[in-house]
N, C-alpha and C. Protein backbone atom coordinates (compact mmCIF):
# COMPACT_ATOMS: atom_id res chain seq x y z
N MET A 1 -29.68 10.77 7.61
CA MET A 1 -29.17 11.92 6.86
C MET A 1 -28.05 11.38 6.06
N SER A 2 -28.13 11.56 4.68
CA SER A 2 -26.98 11.18 3.71
C SER A 2 -25.77 12.02 4.07
N LYS A 3 -24.74 11.58 3.86
CA LYS A 3 -23.26 12.09 4.01
C LYS A 3 -22.54 12.21 2.81
N GLN A 4 -21.65 13.18 2.66
CA GLN A 4 -20.82 13.35 1.73
C GLN A 4 -19.42 12.98 2.07
N VAL A 5 -19.00 11.72 1.57
CA VAL A 5 -17.83 11.03 1.93
C VAL A 5 -16.64 11.02 0.92
N GLY A 6 -15.44 11.37 1.36
CA GLY A 6 -14.34 11.38 0.43
C GLY A 6 -13.45 10.15 0.72
N TYR A 7 -12.82 9.69 -0.35
CA TYR A 7 -11.91 8.54 -0.24
C TYR A 7 -10.56 9.13 -0.96
N ILE A 8 -9.45 9.35 -0.23
CA ILE A 8 -8.11 9.72 -0.84
C ILE A 8 -7.10 8.78 -0.56
N ARG A 9 -6.34 8.50 -1.50
CA ARG A 9 -5.22 7.52 -1.56
C ARG A 9 -4.03 8.06 -2.29
N VAL A 10 -2.86 7.92 -1.77
CA VAL A 10 -1.71 7.90 -2.69
C VAL A 10 -0.86 6.66 -2.26
N SER A 11 0.21 6.41 -3.05
CA SER A 11 0.85 5.17 -2.91
C SER A 11 1.94 5.02 -1.92
N SER A 12 2.47 6.12 -1.50
CA SER A 12 3.50 6.02 -0.49
C SER A 12 3.47 7.35 0.34
N VAL A 13 4.15 7.10 1.64
CA VAL A 13 3.96 8.12 2.56
C VAL A 13 4.58 9.55 2.26
N ASP A 14 5.61 9.47 1.29
CA ASP A 14 6.25 10.84 0.92
C ASP A 14 5.39 11.60 -0.19
N GLN A 15 4.28 11.07 -0.62
CA GLN A 15 3.27 11.65 -1.52
C GLN A 15 2.36 12.67 -0.88
N ASN A 16 2.02 13.70 -1.57
CA ASN A 16 1.06 14.48 -1.00
C ASN A 16 -0.44 14.38 -1.45
N THR A 17 -1.32 14.35 -0.46
CA THR A 17 -2.72 14.16 -1.09
C THR A 17 -3.48 15.42 -1.12
N GLY A 18 -2.77 16.56 -1.24
CA GLY A 18 -3.46 18.11 -1.10
C GLY A 18 -4.33 18.13 -2.44
N ARG A 19 -3.76 17.47 -3.58
CA ARG A 19 -4.59 17.64 -4.96
C ARG A 19 -5.81 16.99 -4.89
N GLN A 20 -6.16 16.09 -4.13
CA GLN A 20 -7.44 15.24 -4.19
C GLN A 20 -8.46 15.78 -3.33
N LEU A 21 -9.56 16.22 -4.00
CA LEU A 21 -10.90 16.56 -3.34
C LEU A 21 -10.57 17.77 -2.28
N GLY A 22 -9.51 18.43 -2.57
CA GLY A 22 -9.15 19.73 -1.67
C GLY A 22 -10.23 20.69 -1.25
N GLU A 23 -11.08 21.03 -2.42
CA GLU A 23 -12.00 22.12 -2.33
C GLU A 23 -13.39 21.84 -2.01
N MET A 24 -13.54 20.49 -1.86
CA MET A 24 -14.92 19.85 -1.31
C MET A 24 -15.31 20.03 0.01
N ASP A 25 -16.50 20.25 0.39
CA ASP A 25 -16.93 20.16 1.62
C ASP A 25 -17.50 18.87 2.13
N LEU A 26 -16.80 17.95 2.66
CA LEU A 26 -17.20 16.74 2.95
C LEU A 26 -17.38 16.44 4.51
N ASP A 27 -18.38 15.47 4.76
CA ASP A 27 -18.66 15.07 6.12
C ASP A 27 -17.58 14.33 6.74
N LYS A 28 -16.98 13.48 5.87
CA LYS A 28 -16.06 12.52 6.46
C LYS A 28 -14.96 12.23 5.25
N ILE A 29 -13.84 12.10 5.70
CA ILE A 29 -12.77 11.74 4.73
C ILE A 29 -11.90 10.53 5.10
N PHE A 30 -11.67 9.61 4.29
CA PHE A 30 -10.93 8.44 4.65
C PHE A 30 -9.71 8.72 3.81
N GLU A 31 -8.60 8.72 4.36
CA GLU A 31 -7.24 9.01 3.70
C GLU A 31 -6.20 7.98 4.08
N GLU A 32 -5.50 7.38 2.90
CA GLU A 32 -4.44 6.47 3.24
C GLU A 32 -3.21 6.58 2.13
N LYS A 33 -2.02 6.20 2.84
CA LYS A 33 -0.84 6.27 1.88
C LYS A 33 -0.34 4.70 1.66
N VAL A 34 -1.07 4.14 0.94
CA VAL A 34 -0.77 2.64 0.79
C VAL A 34 -0.99 2.39 -0.91
N SER A 35 -0.41 1.47 -1.29
CA SER A 35 -0.60 1.01 -2.82
C SER A 35 -1.99 0.55 -2.91
N GLY A 36 -2.46 0.88 -4.24
CA GLY A 36 -3.90 0.37 -4.52
C GLY A 36 -3.73 -0.87 -5.24
N LYS A 37 -2.73 -1.71 -5.20
CA LYS A 37 -2.64 -3.05 -5.82
C LYS A 37 -3.38 -4.11 -4.97
N SER A 38 -3.75 -3.74 -3.91
CA SER A 38 -4.34 -4.68 -2.95
C SER A 38 -5.84 -4.17 -2.43
N MET A 39 -6.67 -5.11 -2.02
CA MET A 39 -7.80 -4.65 -1.29
C MET A 39 -7.62 -4.46 0.03
N ASN A 40 -6.59 -5.01 0.76
CA ASN A 40 -6.25 -5.09 2.10
C ASN A 40 -5.80 -3.65 2.40
N ARG A 41 -6.61 -2.57 2.37
CA ARG A 41 -6.37 -1.29 2.74
C ARG A 41 -7.24 -0.84 4.04
N PRO A 42 -6.72 -0.53 5.16
CA PRO A 42 -7.50 -0.25 6.31
C PRO A 42 -8.62 0.87 6.09
N GLU A 43 -8.21 2.06 5.53
CA GLU A 43 -9.21 3.08 5.24
C GLU A 43 -10.12 2.73 4.35
N LEU A 44 -9.76 1.99 3.25
CA LEU A 44 -10.76 1.52 2.38
C LEU A 44 -11.80 0.74 3.06
N LYS A 45 -11.38 -0.23 3.98
CA LYS A 45 -12.26 -1.18 4.65
C LYS A 45 -13.30 -0.31 5.56
N ALA A 46 -12.50 0.63 6.24
CA ALA A 46 -13.18 1.66 7.11
C ALA A 46 -14.35 2.31 6.38
N MET A 47 -14.08 2.95 5.17
CA MET A 47 -14.86 3.56 4.47
C MET A 47 -16.05 2.87 3.91
N MET A 48 -15.79 1.63 3.48
CA MET A 48 -16.84 0.61 3.07
C MET A 48 -17.69 0.25 4.25
N ASP A 49 -17.27 0.06 5.55
CA ASP A 49 -18.06 -0.22 6.56
C ASP A 49 -18.82 1.19 7.00
N TYR A 50 -18.29 2.30 6.84
CA TYR A 50 -18.89 3.52 7.31
C TYR A 50 -20.15 4.01 6.44
N VAL A 51 -20.05 3.83 5.17
CA VAL A 51 -21.08 4.51 4.24
C VAL A 51 -22.46 3.67 4.29
N ARG A 52 -23.41 4.42 4.11
CA ARG A 52 -24.86 3.92 4.30
C ARG A 52 -25.79 4.39 3.14
N GLU A 53 -26.85 3.82 2.95
CA GLU A 53 -27.67 4.01 1.79
C GLU A 53 -27.92 5.54 1.70
N GLY A 54 -27.93 6.07 0.76
CA GLY A 54 -28.12 7.69 0.49
C GLY A 54 -26.85 8.54 0.50
N ASP A 55 -25.70 7.87 1.10
CA ASP A 55 -24.44 8.54 1.17
C ASP A 55 -23.98 8.72 -0.32
N HIS A 56 -22.97 9.65 -0.49
CA HIS A 56 -22.21 10.04 -1.81
C HIS A 56 -20.89 9.83 -1.38
N LEU A 57 -20.20 8.87 -2.07
CA LEU A 57 -18.77 8.75 -2.09
C LEU A 57 -18.13 9.62 -3.22
N HIS A 58 -17.07 10.51 -2.88
CA HIS A 58 -16.27 11.20 -3.94
C HIS A 58 -14.82 10.53 -3.96
N VAL A 59 -14.38 10.41 -5.00
CA VAL A 59 -12.98 10.06 -5.22
C VAL A 59 -12.44 10.73 -6.43
N HIS A 60 -11.19 11.36 -6.21
CA HIS A 60 -10.41 12.24 -7.14
C HIS A 60 -10.54 11.53 -8.55
N GLU A 61 -9.94 10.47 -8.63
CA GLU A 61 -9.86 9.62 -9.94
C GLU A 61 -9.94 8.19 -9.66
N LEU A 62 -10.38 7.55 -10.70
CA LEU A 62 -10.60 6.12 -10.72
C LEU A 62 -9.44 5.25 -10.07
N SER A 63 -8.32 5.62 -10.58
CA SER A 63 -7.03 4.84 -10.07
C SER A 63 -6.84 4.99 -8.51
N ARG A 64 -7.44 5.93 -7.96
CA ARG A 64 -7.25 6.10 -6.46
C ARG A 64 -7.99 5.15 -5.60
N LEU A 65 -9.18 4.61 -6.22
CA LEU A 65 -9.81 3.62 -5.59
C LEU A 65 -9.28 2.22 -5.78
N GLY A 66 -8.71 1.98 -6.88
CA GLY A 66 -7.92 0.67 -6.94
C GLY A 66 -7.23 0.59 -8.38
N ARG A 67 -6.32 -0.41 -8.50
CA ARG A 67 -5.27 -0.57 -9.66
C ARG A 67 -5.76 -1.80 -10.33
N SER A 68 -6.75 -2.59 -9.84
CA SER A 68 -7.10 -3.73 -10.56
C SER A 68 -8.50 -3.66 -11.10
N VAL A 69 -8.73 -4.18 -12.30
CA VAL A 69 -10.18 -4.02 -12.89
C VAL A 69 -11.16 -4.84 -12.04
N ILE A 70 -10.67 -5.88 -11.63
CA ILE A 70 -11.69 -6.74 -10.69
C ILE A 70 -11.91 -5.92 -9.52
N ASP A 71 -10.99 -5.37 -8.64
CA ASP A 71 -11.17 -4.62 -7.68
C ASP A 71 -12.05 -3.54 -7.70
N LEU A 72 -11.84 -2.77 -8.79
CA LEU A 72 -12.71 -1.56 -8.96
C LEU A 72 -13.97 -1.91 -9.32
N HIS A 73 -14.39 -2.98 -10.13
CA HIS A 73 -15.78 -3.41 -10.33
C HIS A 73 -16.30 -3.91 -9.01
N THR A 74 -15.54 -4.58 -8.36
CA THR A 74 -16.11 -5.17 -6.98
C THR A 74 -16.44 -3.96 -5.90
N ILE A 75 -15.59 -3.08 -5.88
CA ILE A 75 -15.81 -1.94 -4.86
C ILE A 75 -17.15 -1.06 -5.34
N VAL A 76 -17.09 -0.79 -6.57
CA VAL A 76 -18.06 0.10 -7.06
C VAL A 76 -19.57 -0.64 -7.05
N ASN A 77 -19.57 -2.03 -7.34
CA ASN A 77 -20.85 -2.69 -7.23
C ASN A 77 -21.11 -2.83 -5.86
N GLU A 78 -20.28 -3.12 -4.72
CA GLU A 78 -20.66 -3.19 -3.37
C GLU A 78 -21.23 -1.90 -3.04
N LEU A 79 -20.61 -0.83 -3.39
CA LEU A 79 -21.20 0.52 -3.00
C LEU A 79 -22.58 0.79 -3.59
N LEU A 80 -22.87 0.60 -4.72
CA LEU A 80 -24.03 0.74 -5.35
C LEU A 80 -24.95 -0.28 -4.59
N GLU A 81 -24.74 -1.52 -4.31
CA GLU A 81 -25.61 -2.34 -3.73
C GLU A 81 -25.96 -1.89 -2.28
N LYS A 82 -25.20 -1.15 -1.61
CA LYS A 82 -25.42 -0.56 -0.36
C LYS A 82 -26.18 0.81 -0.44
N GLY A 83 -26.45 1.12 -1.85
CA GLY A 83 -27.17 2.35 -2.08
C GLY A 83 -26.36 3.71 -1.94
N VAL A 84 -25.02 3.54 -2.22
CA VAL A 84 -24.21 4.79 -2.29
C VAL A 84 -23.90 5.29 -3.64
N THR A 85 -24.18 6.40 -3.73
CA THR A 85 -23.74 6.99 -5.10
C THR A 85 -22.14 7.12 -5.18
N VAL A 86 -21.53 7.12 -6.28
CA VAL A 86 -20.20 7.01 -6.42
C VAL A 86 -19.85 8.10 -7.57
N THR A 87 -18.91 9.09 -7.29
CA THR A 87 -18.39 10.07 -8.24
C THR A 87 -16.99 10.00 -8.34
N PHE A 88 -16.37 9.93 -9.54
CA PHE A 88 -14.97 10.16 -9.90
C PHE A 88 -14.82 11.30 -10.63
N HIS A 89 -14.27 12.29 -9.90
CA HIS A 89 -14.35 13.79 -10.53
C HIS A 89 -13.45 13.95 -11.65
N LYS A 90 -12.35 13.42 -11.68
CA LYS A 90 -11.36 13.64 -12.88
C LYS A 90 -11.99 13.10 -14.08
N GLU A 91 -12.49 11.97 -14.01
CA GLU A 91 -13.18 11.33 -15.29
C GLU A 91 -14.73 11.76 -15.49
N ASN A 92 -15.16 12.61 -14.46
CA ASN A 92 -16.59 13.00 -14.57
C ASN A 92 -17.51 11.86 -14.81
N MET A 93 -17.40 10.82 -13.79
CA MET A 93 -18.41 9.78 -13.90
C MET A 93 -19.09 9.65 -12.54
N VAL A 94 -20.35 9.48 -12.69
CA VAL A 94 -21.12 9.37 -11.56
C VAL A 94 -22.08 8.06 -11.56
N PHE A 95 -21.94 7.25 -10.60
CA PHE A 95 -22.74 5.93 -10.64
C PHE A 95 -23.74 6.07 -9.52
N VAL A 96 -24.99 5.93 -9.87
CA VAL A 96 -26.22 6.13 -8.89
C VAL A 96 -26.78 4.76 -8.78
N PRO A 97 -27.11 4.43 -7.49
CA PRO A 97 -27.52 3.04 -7.18
C PRO A 97 -29.04 3.02 -7.80
N GLY A 98 -29.35 1.93 -8.15
CA GLY A 98 -30.77 1.76 -8.84
C GLY A 98 -31.03 2.41 -10.29
N LYS A 99 -30.00 3.12 -10.73
CA LYS A 99 -30.00 3.80 -12.03
C LYS A 99 -29.08 3.02 -13.06
N GLU A 100 -29.69 2.68 -14.06
CA GLU A 100 -28.76 1.88 -14.94
C GLU A 100 -27.68 2.86 -15.67
N ALA A 101 -26.52 2.42 -15.63
CA ALA A 101 -25.52 3.38 -16.05
C ALA A 101 -25.57 3.51 -17.58
N ASP A 102 -25.17 4.72 -17.88
CA ASP A 102 -25.13 4.87 -19.42
C ASP A 102 -24.08 3.87 -20.14
N PRO A 103 -24.34 3.29 -21.06
CA PRO A 103 -23.40 2.25 -21.74
C PRO A 103 -21.95 2.94 -22.17
N MET A 104 -22.04 4.19 -22.48
CA MET A 104 -20.84 4.86 -22.83
C MET A 104 -19.86 4.98 -21.37
N GLN A 105 -20.60 5.30 -20.36
CA GLN A 105 -19.86 5.47 -19.16
C GLN A 105 -19.29 3.98 -18.62
N LEU A 106 -20.16 3.02 -18.87
CA LEU A 106 -19.71 1.65 -18.47
C LEU A 106 -18.45 1.39 -19.22
N LEU A 107 -18.55 1.51 -20.71
CA LEU A 107 -17.34 1.38 -21.47
C LEU A 107 -16.03 2.13 -21.01
N MET A 108 -16.37 3.42 -20.74
CA MET A 108 -15.15 4.05 -20.21
C MET A 108 -14.61 3.87 -19.04
N PHE A 109 -15.59 3.29 -18.05
CA PHE A 109 -15.18 2.93 -16.78
C PHE A 109 -14.29 1.61 -16.82
N GLY A 110 -14.68 0.69 -17.85
CA GLY A 110 -13.90 -0.47 -18.08
C GLY A 110 -12.53 -0.29 -18.70
N MET A 111 -12.56 0.71 -19.59
CA MET A 111 -11.29 1.07 -20.21
C MET A 111 -10.35 1.72 -19.44
N LEU A 112 -10.82 2.49 -18.51
CA LEU A 112 -9.94 3.30 -17.48
C LEU A 112 -9.51 2.38 -16.41
N ALA A 113 -10.39 1.36 -16.09
CA ALA A 113 -10.03 0.45 -15.03
C ALA A 113 -8.70 -0.53 -15.46
N ASN A 114 -8.90 -0.64 -16.80
CA ASN A 114 -8.00 -1.49 -17.49
C ASN A 114 -6.47 -0.58 -17.62
N PHE A 115 -6.76 0.65 -17.94
CA PHE A 115 -5.52 1.51 -17.92
C PHE A 115 -4.86 1.63 -16.52
N ALA A 116 -5.67 1.77 -15.47
CA ALA A 116 -5.10 1.76 -14.14
C ALA A 116 -4.44 0.41 -13.90
N GLN A 117 -4.81 -0.56 -14.18
CA GLN A 117 -4.15 -1.98 -13.96
C GLN A 117 -2.89 -2.00 -14.72
N PHE A 118 -3.06 -1.55 -16.11
CA PHE A 118 -1.88 -1.55 -16.97
C PHE A 118 -0.65 -0.60 -16.36
N GLU A 119 -1.03 0.56 -15.97
CA GLU A 119 -0.26 1.37 -15.41
C GLU A 119 0.57 0.89 -14.15
N ARG A 120 -0.25 0.08 -13.38
CA ARG A 120 0.39 -0.58 -12.25
C ARG A 120 1.36 -1.71 -12.64
N SER A 121 1.14 -2.38 -13.68
CA SER A 121 1.91 -3.45 -14.31
C SER A 121 3.18 -2.71 -14.78
N LEU A 122 3.01 -1.58 -15.46
CA LEU A 122 4.30 -0.84 -15.98
C LEU A 122 5.05 -0.47 -14.68
N ILE A 123 4.49 0.08 -13.67
CA ILE A 123 5.35 0.50 -12.50
C ILE A 123 6.08 -0.76 -11.94
N ARG A 124 5.26 -1.74 -11.81
CA ARG A 124 6.00 -3.06 -11.27
C ARG A 124 7.31 -3.54 -12.16
N GLN A 125 6.96 -3.48 -13.49
CA GLN A 125 8.01 -3.91 -14.39
C GLN A 125 9.40 -3.07 -14.40
N ARG A 126 8.99 -1.58 -14.20
CA ARG A 126 10.12 -0.89 -14.26
C ARG A 126 10.92 -0.96 -12.80
N GLN A 127 10.19 -1.21 -11.71
CA GLN A 127 10.74 -1.38 -10.47
C GLN A 127 11.85 -2.73 -10.59
N GLN A 128 11.32 -3.65 -11.22
CA GLN A 128 12.03 -5.00 -11.28
C GLN A 128 13.19 -4.82 -12.19
N GLU A 129 13.02 -3.93 -13.26
CA GLU A 129 14.21 -3.76 -14.19
C GLU A 129 15.22 -2.84 -13.35
N GLY A 130 14.82 -1.94 -12.68
CA GLY A 130 15.71 -1.06 -11.86
C GLY A 130 16.55 -1.93 -10.73
N ILE A 131 15.74 -2.77 -10.19
CA ILE A 131 16.32 -3.63 -9.08
C ILE A 131 17.39 -4.61 -9.80
N ALA A 132 17.14 -5.27 -11.12
CA ALA A 132 17.93 -6.04 -11.64
C ALA A 132 19.34 -5.30 -12.08
N ALA A 133 19.02 -3.95 -12.70
CA ALA A 133 20.20 -3.18 -13.04
C ALA A 133 21.04 -2.83 -11.90
N ALA A 134 20.42 -2.55 -10.78
CA ALA A 134 21.22 -2.22 -9.67
C ALA A 134 21.97 -3.42 -9.14
N LYS A 135 21.39 -4.62 -9.06
CA LYS A 135 22.12 -5.67 -8.64
C LYS A 135 23.32 -6.03 -9.64
N ALA A 136 22.94 -5.97 -10.91
CA ALA A 136 24.10 -6.24 -11.78
C ALA A 136 25.35 -5.23 -11.90
N ALA A 137 25.04 -4.09 -11.26
CA ALA A 137 25.96 -3.06 -11.03
C ALA A 137 26.64 -3.23 -9.61
N GLY A 138 26.20 -4.24 -8.98
CA GLY A 138 27.04 -4.63 -7.58
C GLY A 138 26.42 -3.89 -6.62
N LYS A 139 25.35 -3.24 -6.74
CA LYS A 139 24.71 -2.40 -5.48
C LYS A 139 24.12 -3.37 -4.60
N HIS A 140 24.28 -3.28 -3.26
CA HIS A 140 23.56 -3.80 -2.33
C HIS A 140 22.09 -3.45 -2.24
N MET A 141 21.20 -4.53 -2.24
CA MET A 141 19.86 -4.04 -2.23
C MET A 141 19.21 -4.35 -0.72
N GLY A 142 18.38 -3.52 -0.40
CA GLY A 142 17.72 -3.71 1.10
C GLY A 142 18.45 -2.91 1.98
N ARG A 143 18.17 -3.16 3.37
CA ARG A 143 18.67 -2.29 4.38
C ARG A 143 20.10 -2.91 4.72
N PRO A 144 21.01 -2.09 5.09
CA PRO A 144 22.35 -2.45 5.33
C PRO A 144 22.36 -3.43 6.60
N ALA A 145 23.47 -4.27 6.58
CA ALA A 145 23.56 -5.26 7.66
C ALA A 145 23.89 -4.53 8.72
N LYS A 146 23.24 -5.09 9.99
CA LYS A 146 23.59 -4.22 11.14
C LYS A 146 24.92 -4.70 11.87
N LEU A 147 25.20 -5.82 11.60
CA LEU A 147 26.51 -6.37 12.19
C LEU A 147 27.48 -6.77 10.98
N THR A 148 28.69 -6.58 11.14
CA THR A 148 29.78 -6.91 10.28
C THR A 148 30.23 -8.41 10.62
N ASP A 149 30.89 -9.13 9.75
CA ASP A 149 31.23 -10.43 9.77
C ASP A 149 32.15 -10.50 11.20
N GLU A 150 33.12 -9.58 11.32
CA GLU A 150 33.91 -9.56 12.50
C GLU A 150 33.07 -9.41 13.73
N GLN A 151 32.01 -8.66 13.90
CA GLN A 151 31.18 -8.51 14.91
C GLN A 151 30.51 -9.88 15.23
N LYS A 152 30.10 -10.59 14.25
CA LYS A 152 29.35 -11.85 14.33
C LYS A 152 30.37 -12.93 14.89
N VAL A 153 31.58 -12.93 14.56
CA VAL A 153 32.60 -13.76 15.09
C VAL A 153 32.74 -13.35 16.48
N GLU A 154 32.81 -12.28 17.00
CA GLU A 154 33.06 -11.77 18.40
C GLU A 154 31.89 -12.25 19.21
N ILE A 155 30.56 -11.97 18.70
CA ILE A 155 29.44 -12.27 19.43
C ILE A 155 29.37 -13.81 19.69
N LYS A 156 29.75 -14.55 18.65
CA LYS A 156 29.64 -16.15 18.69
C LYS A 156 30.73 -16.54 19.90
N GLY A 157 31.80 -15.79 19.96
CA GLY A 157 32.81 -15.99 21.06
C GLY A 157 32.24 -15.71 22.45
N LYS A 158 31.65 -14.60 22.48
CA LYS A 158 31.18 -14.05 23.74
C LYS A 158 29.80 -14.92 24.20
N LEU A 159 29.12 -15.34 23.33
CA LEU A 159 27.99 -16.32 23.64
C LEU A 159 28.61 -17.76 24.30
N LYS A 160 29.66 -18.09 23.69
CA LYS A 160 30.33 -19.38 24.25
C LYS A 160 30.87 -19.07 25.70
N GLN A 161 31.27 -17.93 25.96
CA GLN A 161 31.83 -17.52 27.20
C GLN A 161 30.63 -17.08 28.27
N GLY A 162 29.41 -17.16 27.82
CA GLY A 162 28.43 -16.93 28.69
C GLY A 162 27.44 -15.67 28.70
N ALA A 163 28.11 -14.76 27.71
CA ALA A 163 27.25 -13.58 27.60
C ALA A 163 25.78 -14.01 27.29
N THR A 164 24.90 -13.07 27.56
CA THR A 164 23.61 -13.21 27.35
C THR A 164 23.03 -12.45 25.90
N PRO A 165 22.05 -12.87 25.28
CA PRO A 165 21.64 -12.19 24.07
C PRO A 165 21.23 -10.79 24.42
N THR A 166 20.52 -10.64 25.57
CA THR A 166 20.26 -9.22 25.88
C THR A 166 21.34 -8.25 26.18
N GLU A 167 22.39 -8.89 26.82
CA GLU A 167 23.66 -7.95 26.98
C GLU A 167 24.22 -7.58 25.73
N LEU A 168 24.42 -8.58 24.70
CA LEU A 168 25.07 -8.54 23.53
C LEU A 168 24.35 -7.57 22.48
N ALA A 169 22.91 -7.61 22.59
CA ALA A 169 22.03 -6.76 21.80
C ALA A 169 22.35 -5.29 22.39
N ARG A 170 22.35 -5.00 23.57
CA ARG A 170 22.66 -3.72 24.00
C ARG A 170 24.07 -3.20 23.68
N GLU A 171 25.00 -4.01 23.84
CA GLU A 171 26.48 -3.72 23.35
C GLU A 171 26.63 -3.41 21.79
N TYR A 172 25.94 -4.17 21.13
CA TYR A 172 26.19 -4.07 19.64
C TYR A 172 25.20 -3.20 19.02
N GLY A 173 24.21 -2.73 19.71
CA GLY A 173 23.08 -1.69 19.19
C GLY A 173 22.32 -2.50 18.14
N CYS A 174 21.94 -3.66 18.60
CA CYS A 174 21.02 -4.46 17.56
C CYS A 174 19.87 -5.08 18.31
N SER A 175 19.04 -5.79 17.72
CA SER A 175 18.04 -6.48 18.53
C SER A 175 18.53 -7.98 19.10
N ARG A 176 17.79 -8.42 20.07
CA ARG A 176 18.17 -9.79 20.55
C ARG A 176 17.87 -10.74 19.22
N ALA A 177 16.91 -10.47 18.49
CA ALA A 177 16.75 -11.43 17.36
C ALA A 177 17.95 -11.37 16.60
N SER A 178 18.60 -10.28 16.34
CA SER A 178 19.80 -10.29 15.59
C SER A 178 20.90 -11.28 16.12
N ILE A 179 20.96 -11.21 17.55
CA ILE A 179 21.94 -12.03 18.30
C ILE A 179 21.45 -13.50 18.23
N TYR A 180 20.32 -13.80 18.15
CA TYR A 180 19.87 -15.18 18.15
C TYR A 180 20.14 -15.70 16.67
N ASN A 181 19.91 -14.78 15.64
CA ASN A 181 20.27 -15.27 14.30
C ASN A 181 21.87 -15.52 14.11
N VAL A 182 22.54 -14.59 14.81
CA VAL A 182 24.08 -14.96 14.69
C VAL A 182 24.40 -16.25 15.50
N LYS A 183 23.76 -16.58 16.62
CA LYS A 183 24.06 -17.80 17.47
C LYS A 183 23.65 -18.99 16.62
N ALA A 184 22.40 -18.99 15.70
CA ALA A 184 21.97 -19.95 15.05
C ALA A 184 22.64 -20.20 13.79
N SER A 185 23.39 -19.15 13.24
CA SER A 185 24.15 -19.22 11.95
C SER A 185 25.26 -20.28 11.74
N LYS A 186 25.31 -20.78 10.76
CA LYS A 186 26.34 -21.83 10.51
C LYS A 186 27.45 -21.11 9.64
N LEU A 187 27.39 -20.01 9.12
CA LEU A 187 28.17 -19.42 8.20
C LEU A 187 29.39 -18.96 8.89
N VAL A 188 29.36 -18.36 10.21
CA VAL A 188 30.46 -17.70 11.01
C VAL A 188 30.85 -18.51 11.94
N LYS A 189 32.17 -18.78 11.98
CA LYS A 189 32.78 -19.71 12.88
C LYS A 189 33.40 -18.93 13.93
N ALA A 190 32.98 -19.18 15.14
CA ALA A 190 33.64 -18.61 16.38
C ALA A 190 35.23 -18.84 16.37
N ALA A 191 35.84 -17.81 16.85
CA ALA A 191 37.43 -17.84 16.77
C ALA A 191 37.82 -18.57 17.99
């Protein structure tokens, strides 16, 4: 029996998936909150393994399935080869296995796939510009350091006196790996 399957994706955990396929009656939904820049997406893989000949995959819009022209073509072609119909609702495109696609639809698919990839490139470029501007303004990037330089000196001294990494990790509220990193570091000289 054929199934109506949905694939929903947003790029980050704080984004809402509610606007995608919300009013459809689907048998199974695969939803994930990861970037579409890669094919290494657990729910995408699960969906590809799940669908069978005669199933119908519904995707809100083309860029939800992928951000790379090659990836989009690969995914859609694999689905069609499995006998799965693919519908992109926002673009009003339907790809049916065994049926030659309309040349205009193929042109639009290619153009929209290129736009999705272009948009991803713009996002990446803006991120890099923002990071460079923040660094130039002297802002610290990344997670704040768990240990101060003074604490590192203390830890080196306590290690020399026989304290164990487990004890020190508990005392300083950090991981043992952090203690081992301090122990191995050459930058901090023990007092």
